[in-house]
Protein backbone atom coordinates (compact mmCIF):
# COMPACT_ATOMS: atom_id res chain seq x y z
CA MET A 1 76.45 -39.78 48.93
CA ILE A 2 73.71 -37.25 49.51
CA THR A 3 72.70 -35.94 52.92
CA LEU A 4 69.26 -34.34 53.14
CA ASN A 5 68.01 -32.30 56.06
CA SER A 6 64.33 -32.75 56.92
CA ASP A 7 62.01 -32.25 59.85
CA LYS A 8 62.83 -35.86 60.79
CA GLY A 9 66.59 -35.23 60.87
CA LEU A 10 69.33 -36.12 58.44
CA THR A 11 68.61 -38.68 55.71
CA LEU A 12 71.22 -40.36 53.51
CA VAL A 13 70.39 -40.91 49.85
CA GLU A 14 72.76 -42.99 47.74
CA ARG A 15 71.48 -42.52 44.20
CA TRP A 16 71.45 -39.27 42.27
CA ASP A 17 68.40 -40.54 40.36
CA ASP A 18 66.42 -40.38 43.61
CA ILE A 19 67.12 -36.64 43.74
CA THR A 20 66.31 -35.88 40.12
CA ALA A 21 63.03 -37.84 40.49
CA ARG A 22 61.82 -35.53 43.27
CA PRO A 23 58.66 -33.67 42.12
CA GLY A 24 60.16 -30.17 42.48
CA PHE A 25 63.60 -30.88 41.02
CA ASP A 26 64.73 -28.58 38.21
CA GLY A 27 67.92 -29.62 36.42
CA ASN A 28 68.35 -26.29 34.63
CA LEU A 29 67.51 -23.32 36.84
CA ASP A 30 68.15 -19.66 36.01
CA PRO A 31 69.73 -18.20 39.18
CA THR A 32 68.80 -14.65 38.20
CA ALA A 33 65.10 -15.53 38.17
CA VAL A 34 64.75 -17.09 41.62
CA GLU A 35 65.76 -16.50 45.23
CA LEU A 36 67.22 -19.08 47.58
CA GLU A 37 64.93 -20.21 50.37
CA SER A 38 66.91 -22.98 52.05
CA ILE A 39 69.68 -25.52 51.83
CA LEU A 40 68.12 -28.99 51.63
CA GLY A 41 71.33 -30.96 51.79
CA SER A 42 74.77 -31.58 50.39
CA TYR A 43 76.35 -34.13 48.10
CA VAL A 44 79.76 -35.65 47.50
CA PHE A 45 80.37 -38.04 44.59
CA ARG A 46 83.44 -39.57 43.01
CA ASP A 47 81.93 -38.81 39.60
CA ASP A 48 81.01 -35.19 38.98
CA ILE A 49 77.41 -34.01 38.72
CA ILE A 50 76.54 -31.21 36.28
CA CYS A 51 75.61 -28.02 38.12
CA ALA A 52 71.96 -27.21 37.41
CA LEU A 53 72.48 -23.44 37.37
CA SER A 54 72.11 -22.20 33.82
CA SER A 55 74.98 -19.75 34.47
CA CYS A 56 77.38 -22.58 35.36
CA ARG A 57 76.54 -26.03 33.91
CA GLN A 58 80.01 -27.29 34.94
CA PRO A 59 80.66 -30.68 36.58
CA HIS A 60 81.27 -30.67 40.33
CA GLY A 61 81.98 -33.56 42.69
CA LYS A 62 80.62 -31.66 45.69
CA GLY A 63 77.70 -29.35 46.06
CA TYR A 64 74.42 -28.45 47.67
CA LEU A 65 70.78 -29.24 47.09
CA VAL A 66 68.77 -26.07 47.52
CA LYS A 67 65.17 -24.96 47.45
CA ALA A 68 64.18 -21.71 45.79
CA LYS A 69 61.36 -19.51 47.04
CA ASN A 70 59.29 -20.59 44.03
CA GLY A 71 59.35 -24.17 45.37
CA ARG A 72 61.78 -25.57 42.79
CA GLU A 73 64.71 -27.67 43.99
CA THR A 74 68.08 -27.81 42.27
CA ASN A 75 71.73 -28.65 42.76
CA ILE A 76 74.53 -26.11 42.97
CA GLY A 77 78.12 -27.19 42.53
CA LYS A 78 80.31 -26.15 45.45
CA THR A 79 82.39 -23.87 43.24
CA ALA A 80 79.66 -22.64 40.88
CA GLU A 81 80.57 -19.13 39.80
CA GLY A 82 78.60 -16.13 38.69
CA SER A 83 75.50 -16.90 40.70
CA THR A 84 73.74 -15.18 43.54
CA LEU A 85 72.29 -18.56 44.51
CA ALA A 86 75.71 -20.20 44.61
CA SER A 87 77.24 -17.30 46.51
CA THR A 88 74.39 -17.30 49.02
CA SER A 89 74.52 -21.07 49.50
CA ARG A 90 78.20 -21.00 50.43
CA HIS A 91 77.47 -18.45 53.14
CA CYS A 92 74.35 -20.20 54.46
CA VAL A 93 75.79 -23.63 55.18
CA ARG A 94 76.11 -24.25 58.89
CA PRO A 95 77.50 -27.27 60.79
CA LYS A 96 74.00 -28.76 60.70
CA ILE A 97 72.61 -27.96 57.29
CA GLY A 98 69.72 -25.57 57.71
CA THR A 99 67.99 -22.60 56.21
CA CYS A 100 69.51 -19.23 55.39
């Protein structure tokens, strides 16, 4: 299940394909080349999703959907290592998912 935060409140998305079909989604993002702008949502799946950070690319069952300052969106596994984006995202998550 995916929970997205928007100006209209929280939205539940059931299919991962709906996320990857978003116009700004980037499934292979270099975390050293972009800065995090905001946390868009979080996901929890029984089957793991490959982390989109080029420095990780490991499967994770939980993670975050984030937006970079360049407008690209991507997913970060909850335990993605070696990434400023991943490190920042873990510290930015609040009870109600919001921006950093």
